[in-house]
N, C-alpha and C. Protein backbone atom coordinates (compact mmCIF):
# COMPACT_ATOMS: atom_id res chain seq x y z
N MET A 1 -11.15 -1.61 4.25
CA MET A 1 -10.46 -0.35 4.09
C MET A 1 -9.21 -0.54 3.22
N MET A 2 -8.47 -1.60 3.47
CA MET A 2 -7.25 -1.84 2.69
C MET A 2 -7.59 -2.03 1.22
N GLU A 3 -8.66 -2.73 0.93
CA GLU A 3 -9.03 -2.94 -0.47
C GLU A 3 -9.40 -1.63 -1.14
N LYS A 4 -10.00 -0.73 -0.41
CA LYS A 4 -10.37 0.57 -0.97
C LYS A 4 -9.11 1.37 -1.32
N VAL A 5 -8.10 1.31 -0.48
CA VAL A 5 -6.87 2.09 -0.68
C VAL A 5 -5.89 1.38 -1.61
N LEU A 6 -5.73 0.07 -1.44
CA LEU A 6 -4.69 -0.66 -2.16
C LEU A 6 -5.20 -1.49 -3.33
N GLY A 7 -6.50 -1.65 -3.43
CA GLY A 7 -7.07 -2.51 -4.46
C GLY A 7 -7.40 -3.87 -3.89
N PRO A 8 -8.02 -4.73 -4.69
CA PRO A 8 -8.45 -6.04 -4.18
C PRO A 8 -7.29 -6.92 -3.74
N ILE A 9 -7.56 -7.71 -2.73
CA ILE A 9 -6.57 -8.68 -2.26
C ILE A 9 -6.51 -9.80 -3.30
N PRO A 10 -5.32 -10.17 -3.74
CA PRO A 10 -5.21 -11.25 -4.74
C PRO A 10 -5.90 -12.53 -4.25
N SER A 11 -6.60 -13.19 -5.17
CA SER A 11 -7.38 -14.37 -4.80
C SER A 11 -6.51 -15.49 -4.24
N HIS A 12 -5.26 -15.62 -4.72
CA HIS A 12 -4.41 -16.70 -4.19
C HIS A 12 -4.08 -16.47 -2.71
N LEU A 13 -4.06 -15.21 -2.28
CA LEU A 13 -3.83 -14.93 -0.86
C LEU A 13 -5.08 -15.19 -0.04
N LEU A 14 -6.24 -14.86 -0.61
CA LEU A 14 -7.50 -15.12 0.10
C LEU A 14 -7.72 -16.62 0.29
N LYS A 15 -7.29 -17.41 -0.67
CA LYS A 15 -7.44 -18.86 -0.56
C LYS A 15 -6.57 -19.44 0.55
N GLN A 16 -5.49 -18.74 0.89
CA GLN A 16 -4.56 -19.24 1.90
C GLN A 16 -4.99 -18.92 3.33
N THR A 17 -5.96 -18.03 3.49
CA THR A 17 -6.35 -17.63 4.84
C THR A 17 -7.07 -18.75 5.57
N ARG A 18 -6.85 -18.80 6.86
CA ARG A 18 -7.54 -19.78 7.70
C ARG A 18 -8.94 -19.30 8.07
N LYS A 19 -9.19 -18.03 7.90
CA LYS A 19 -10.49 -17.43 8.27
C LYS A 19 -11.38 -17.34 7.03
N GLN A 20 -11.78 -18.47 6.50
CA GLN A 20 -12.55 -18.49 5.25
C GLN A 20 -13.93 -17.85 5.39
N HIS A 21 -14.44 -17.69 6.62
CA HIS A 21 -15.75 -17.05 6.77
C HIS A 21 -15.69 -15.56 6.42
N TYR A 22 -14.50 -15.01 6.25
CA TYR A 22 -14.34 -13.62 5.81
C TYR A 22 -14.26 -13.50 4.30
N VAL A 23 -14.28 -14.63 3.60
CA VAL A 23 -14.11 -14.64 2.14
C VAL A 23 -15.36 -15.20 1.48
N HIS A 24 -15.80 -14.52 0.41
CA HIS A 24 -16.94 -14.99 -0.37
C HIS A 24 -16.67 -14.69 -1.84
N ASN A 25 -16.75 -15.72 -2.69
CA ASN A 25 -16.48 -15.56 -4.13
C ASN A 25 -15.12 -14.91 -4.39
N GLU A 26 -14.11 -15.39 -3.69
CA GLU A 26 -12.73 -14.90 -3.83
C GLU A 26 -12.60 -13.40 -3.59
N ARG A 27 -13.43 -12.87 -2.72
CA ARG A 27 -13.36 -11.47 -2.30
C ARG A 27 -13.62 -11.43 -0.81
N LEU A 28 -13.16 -10.35 -0.17
CA LEU A 28 -13.47 -10.20 1.25
C LEU A 28 -14.97 -10.05 1.42
N ASN A 29 -15.52 -10.69 2.42
CA ASN A 29 -16.93 -10.60 2.73
C ASN A 29 -17.14 -9.33 3.55
N TRP A 30 -17.70 -8.31 2.94
CA TRP A 30 -17.82 -7.00 3.57
C TRP A 30 -19.27 -6.56 3.56
N ASP A 31 -19.75 -6.08 4.68
CA ASP A 31 -21.12 -5.58 4.79
C ASP A 31 -21.17 -4.17 4.23
N GLU A 32 -21.63 -4.05 2.99
CA GLU A 32 -21.65 -2.75 2.32
C GLU A 32 -22.74 -1.83 2.84
N SER A 33 -23.63 -2.34 3.68
CA SER A 33 -24.68 -1.49 4.24
C SER A 33 -24.30 -0.94 5.61
N SER A 34 -23.12 -1.26 6.09
CA SER A 34 -22.70 -0.81 7.43
C SER A 34 -22.27 0.65 7.41
N SER A 35 -22.28 1.26 8.59
CA SER A 35 -21.82 2.65 8.71
C SER A 35 -20.32 2.74 8.42
N SER A 36 -19.59 1.66 8.69
CA SER A 36 -18.16 1.64 8.38
C SER A 36 -17.94 1.78 6.88
N ASP A 37 -18.78 1.13 6.09
CA ASP A 37 -18.65 1.22 4.64
C ASP A 37 -18.91 2.64 4.17
N ASP A 38 -19.87 3.33 4.78
CA ASP A 38 -20.13 4.73 4.43
C ASP A 38 -18.90 5.59 4.71
N TYR A 39 -18.31 5.39 5.89
CA TYR A 39 -17.12 6.16 6.26
C TYR A 39 -15.97 5.89 5.29
N ILE A 40 -15.74 4.64 5.02
CA ILE A 40 -14.64 4.26 4.12
C ILE A 40 -14.88 4.84 2.73
N GLY A 41 -16.11 4.77 2.26
CA GLY A 41 -16.44 5.31 0.95
C GLY A 41 -16.18 6.81 0.85
N LYS A 42 -16.40 7.53 1.93
CA LYS A 42 -16.22 8.99 1.93
C LYS A 42 -14.78 9.41 2.18
N HIS A 43 -14.05 8.66 2.99
CA HIS A 43 -12.75 9.14 3.47
C HIS A 43 -11.53 8.37 2.96
N CYS A 44 -11.72 7.20 2.41
CA CYS A 44 -10.58 6.40 1.95
C CYS A 44 -10.57 6.37 0.43
N LYS A 45 -9.47 6.81 -0.13
CA LYS A 45 -9.32 6.85 -1.58
C LYS A 45 -8.13 5.99 -1.99
N PRO A 46 -8.17 5.42 -3.19
CA PRO A 46 -7.02 4.62 -3.65
C PRO A 46 -5.75 5.45 -3.70
N LEU A 47 -4.63 4.82 -3.38
CA LEU A 47 -3.34 5.53 -3.44
C LEU A 47 -3.10 6.10 -4.83
N THR A 48 -3.59 5.41 -5.85
CA THR A 48 -3.37 5.88 -7.22
C THR A 48 -4.11 7.18 -7.50
N CYS A 49 -5.09 7.53 -6.69
CA CYS A 49 -5.86 8.77 -6.90
C CYS A 49 -5.30 9.95 -6.11
N MET A 50 -4.33 9.70 -5.28
CA MET A 50 -3.76 10.78 -4.47
C MET A 50 -3.04 11.77 -5.39
N GLN A 51 -3.28 13.04 -5.16
CA GLN A 51 -2.61 14.07 -5.96
C GLN A 51 -1.17 14.21 -5.50
N ARG A 52 -0.29 14.25 -6.48
CA ARG A 52 1.13 14.38 -6.19
C ARG A 52 1.58 15.75 -6.66
N LYS A 53 1.95 16.59 -5.72
CA LYS A 53 2.33 17.96 -6.06
C LYS A 53 3.79 18.07 -6.45
N SER A 54 4.57 17.10 -6.08
CA SER A 54 6.01 17.16 -6.37
C SER A 54 6.53 15.75 -6.64
N GLU A 55 7.73 15.70 -7.19
CA GLU A 55 8.40 14.42 -7.42
C GLU A 55 8.62 13.68 -6.10
N GLU A 56 8.95 14.44 -5.06
CA GLU A 56 9.18 13.85 -3.74
C GLU A 56 7.91 13.17 -3.22
N GLU A 57 6.76 13.82 -3.37
CA GLU A 57 5.49 13.22 -2.93
C GLU A 57 5.18 11.97 -3.75
N GLN A 58 5.46 12.01 -5.04
CA GLN A 58 5.22 10.85 -5.88
C GLN A 58 6.09 9.68 -5.43
N GLN A 59 7.35 9.96 -5.13
CA GLN A 59 8.25 8.90 -4.67
C GLN A 59 7.80 8.35 -3.31
N LEU A 60 7.34 9.23 -2.42
CA LEU A 60 6.87 8.78 -1.11
C LEU A 60 5.67 7.85 -1.26
N LEU A 61 4.70 8.24 -2.08
CA LEU A 61 3.52 7.39 -2.27
C LEU A 61 3.89 6.06 -2.93
N ASP A 62 4.86 6.09 -3.83
CA ASP A 62 5.33 4.84 -4.44
C ASP A 62 5.97 3.94 -3.38
N LEU A 63 6.78 4.52 -2.51
CA LEU A 63 7.42 3.75 -1.44
C LEU A 63 6.37 3.15 -0.51
N VAL A 64 5.39 3.94 -0.12
CA VAL A 64 4.32 3.44 0.76
C VAL A 64 3.57 2.29 0.08
N ALA A 65 3.26 2.45 -1.20
CA ALA A 65 2.56 1.38 -1.93
C ALA A 65 3.40 0.11 -1.96
N CYS A 66 4.71 0.25 -2.17
CA CYS A 66 5.60 -0.92 -2.18
C CYS A 66 5.65 -1.59 -0.81
N MET A 67 5.58 -0.80 0.25
CA MET A 67 5.64 -1.35 1.60
C MET A 67 4.32 -2.02 2.01
N LEU A 68 3.22 -1.58 1.41
CA LEU A 68 1.91 -2.12 1.75
C LEU A 68 1.44 -3.21 0.80
N GLU A 69 2.31 -3.68 -0.05
CA GLU A 69 1.98 -4.77 -0.98
C GLU A 69 1.45 -5.96 -0.19
N TYR A 70 0.30 -6.49 -0.61
CA TYR A 70 -0.30 -7.63 0.09
C TYR A 70 0.61 -8.85 0.11
N ASP A 71 1.14 -9.19 -1.05
CA ASP A 71 1.91 -10.42 -1.21
C ASP A 71 3.33 -10.22 -0.70
N VAL A 72 3.69 -10.95 0.34
CA VAL A 72 5.01 -10.80 0.96
C VAL A 72 6.13 -11.08 -0.05
N CYS A 73 5.86 -11.92 -1.04
CA CYS A 73 6.88 -12.22 -2.06
C CYS A 73 7.14 -11.02 -2.97
N ARG A 74 6.18 -10.13 -3.07
CA ARG A 74 6.32 -8.95 -3.93
C ARG A 74 6.59 -7.68 -3.13
N ARG A 75 6.44 -7.74 -1.82
CA ARG A 75 6.63 -6.57 -0.96
C ARG A 75 8.10 -6.16 -0.92
N ILE A 76 8.34 -4.88 -0.86
CA ILE A 76 9.70 -4.35 -0.81
C ILE A 76 10.37 -4.76 0.50
N THR A 77 11.64 -5.12 0.42
CA THR A 77 12.39 -5.47 1.64
C THR A 77 12.93 -4.20 2.27
N LEU A 78 13.44 -4.31 3.48
CA LEU A 78 14.02 -3.15 4.15
C LEU A 78 15.18 -2.59 3.34
N GLU A 79 16.05 -3.46 2.88
CA GLU A 79 17.21 -2.99 2.11
C GLU A 79 16.76 -2.31 0.82
N GLU A 80 15.79 -2.90 0.13
CA GLU A 80 15.28 -2.28 -1.09
C GLU A 80 14.65 -0.93 -0.79
N ALA A 81 13.93 -0.85 0.33
CA ALA A 81 13.29 0.41 0.71
C ALA A 81 14.33 1.50 0.95
N LEU A 82 15.43 1.13 1.58
CA LEU A 82 16.48 2.12 1.84
C LEU A 82 17.12 2.64 0.55
N TRP A 83 17.04 1.86 -0.52
CA TRP A 83 17.59 2.27 -1.81
C TRP A 83 16.52 2.85 -2.74
N HIS A 84 15.31 3.00 -2.23
CA HIS A 84 14.23 3.60 -3.02
C HIS A 84 14.60 5.05 -3.35
N PRO A 85 14.21 5.55 -4.52
CA PRO A 85 14.54 6.93 -4.91
C PRO A 85 14.11 7.99 -3.90
N PHE A 86 13.09 7.70 -3.09
CA PHE A 86 12.66 8.67 -2.08
C PHE A 86 13.80 9.04 -1.14
N PHE A 87 14.68 8.09 -0.86
CA PHE A 87 15.78 8.34 0.07
C PHE A 87 17.06 8.83 -0.62
N SER A 88 17.02 9.06 -1.91
CA SER A 88 18.21 9.56 -2.63
C SER A 88 18.77 10.85 -2.03
N PRO A 89 17.93 11.84 -1.68
CA PRO A 89 18.49 13.06 -1.08
C PRO A 89 19.21 12.80 0.24
N VAL A 90 18.72 11.85 1.02
CA VAL A 90 19.37 11.52 2.30
C VAL A 90 20.73 10.89 2.03
N ARG A 91 20.77 9.97 1.05
CA ARG A 91 22.05 9.34 0.71
C ARG A 91 23.04 10.37 0.16
N ALA A 92 22.55 11.30 -0.66
CA ALA A 92 23.42 12.33 -1.22
C ALA A 92 23.97 13.23 -0.12
N GLN A 93 23.12 13.61 0.83
CA GLN A 93 23.56 14.45 1.95
C GLN A 93 24.61 13.72 2.78
N LYS A 94 24.39 12.44 3.02
CA LYS A 94 25.34 11.66 3.81
C LYS A 94 26.69 11.59 3.09
N GLN A 95 26.66 11.41 1.76
CA GLN A 95 27.89 11.37 0.97
C GLN A 95 28.66 12.69 1.09
N ARG A 96 27.93 13.81 1.04
CA ARG A 96 28.58 15.12 1.14
C ARG A 96 29.23 15.32 2.50
N THR A 97 28.58 14.85 3.56
CA THR A 97 29.14 15.04 4.90
C THR A 97 30.33 14.12 5.14
N LEU A 98 30.36 12.97 4.45
CA LEU A 98 31.49 12.05 4.61
C LEU A 98 32.69 12.46 3.77
N SER A 99 32.46 13.27 2.76
CA SER A 99 33.56 13.69 1.86
C SER A 99 34.36 14.83 2.43
């Protein structure tokens, strides 16, 4: 499901897993004939395909994508997340109330 939404897991991360029986040819070993695969195919879409009706929605989806990054070295930190543009209105409101 994660690969359907976020894209393929980087091969260097798959090589690090202790559960190698879940990996085949540097990809997750997934039974594409299962009912789960049918459900995922129908209901799970890549984040990049989500329609963004507003700038706020676009920023939210960007923040979620940054938080769900597979590689911990590339994943957004808590502090970085708090400074993400999605939270700019909250910071601006806080500044106004403190002034």
